[in-house]
Amino acid sequence: IEIILNGERMTIDPQASVAAMLVANNYDCGRVAVAINSEFVARADYDRQQFVAGDRVDVVAPMAGG
């Protein structure tokens, strides 16, 4: 299926979980936050949460500083 990850279209396995997508794109699951269609996904749900074609996915990492 096709999703939009951080503003860029990409194709992923229709059965991919959030965790699988993160690993496939070299993100550290424990150090990022994920929002699907502007709703944050609980880290505990990364292994269960799957995508629907057209989902807008934002992966954000905390930044140091103030």
Protein backbone atom coordinates (compact mmCIF):
# COMPACT_ATOMS: atom_id res chain seq x y z
CA ILE A 1 0.00 0.00 0.00
CA GLU A 2 1.07 3.61 -0.37
CA ILE A 3 1.46 5.92 2.62
CA ILE A 4 2.96 9.36 3.05
CA LEU A 5 5.89 9.25 5.47
CA ASN A 6 7.13 12.65 6.63
CA GLY A 7 5.75 14.22 3.44
CA GLU A 8 7.12 11.64 0.99
CA ARG A 9 5.11 8.92 -0.71
CA MET A 10 6.31 5.40 -0.13
CA THR A 11 5.06 1.88 -0.66
CA ILE A 12 5.01 -0.56 2.25
CA ASP A 13 3.83 -4.12 2.83
CA PRO A 14 0.06 -4.04 3.54
CA GLN A 15 0.67 -6.16 6.67
CA ALA A 16 3.46 -3.94 8.03
CA SER A 17 3.06 -2.71 11.58
CA VAL A 18 4.34 0.65 12.76
CA ALA A 19 7.29 -1.14 14.37
CA ALA A 20 8.16 -2.97 11.13
CA MET A 21 7.96 0.25 9.10
CA LEU A 22 10.21 2.04 11.58
CA VAL A 23 12.83 -0.72 11.51
CA ALA A 24 12.70 -0.88 7.69
CA ASN A 25 13.39 2.87 7.58
CA ASN A 26 16.21 2.79 10.18
CA TYR A 27 14.32 4.47 13.01
CA ASP A 28 14.88 3.49 16.64
CA CYS A 29 11.41 2.50 17.90
CA GLY A 30 12.28 3.59 21.42
CA ARG A 31 13.40 7.08 20.45
CA VAL A 32 10.68 8.36 18.14
CA ALA A 33 7.03 9.32 18.28
CA VAL A 34 4.65 8.35 15.48
CA ALA A 35 1.46 10.09 14.42
CA ILE A 36 -0.92 8.64 11.83
CA ASN A 37 -3.28 11.20 10.33
CA SER A 38 -2.34 13.64 13.13
CA GLU A 39 -3.11 11.15 15.95
CA PHE A 40 -0.20 9.88 17.99
CA VAL A 41 0.19 6.11 18.33
CA ALA A 42 1.09 4.77 21.77
CA ARG A 43 4.52 3.12 21.73
CA ALA A 44 2.92 0.00 23.26
CA ASP A 45 0.82 -0.30 20.07
CA TYR A 46 3.68 -0.08 17.54
CA ASP A 47 3.68 -3.88 17.03
CA ARG A 48 -0.10 -4.04 16.48
CA GLN A 49 -0.91 -0.80 14.65
CA GLN A 50 -1.12 -1.21 10.89
CA PHE A 51 -1.66 1.26 8.09
CA VAL A 52 -4.44 2.05 5.62
CA ALA A 53 -3.62 3.21 2.09
CA GLY A 54 -3.16 6.96 2.04
CA ASP A 55 -2.25 7.32 5.73
CA ARG A 56 -0.19 10.41 6.49
CA VAL A 57 2.54 9.27 8.89
CA ASP A 58 4.81 11.60 10.81
CA VAL A 59 7.84 10.23 12.66
CA VAL A 60 9.44 12.72 15.01
CA ALA A 61 12.46 12.45 17.27
CA PRO A 62 13.09 14.61 20.34
CA MET A 63 15.70 17.31 19.93
CA ALA A 64 18.17 18.43 22.58
CA GLY A 65 18.29 22.06 23.54
CA GLY A 66 15.84 24.59 24.74
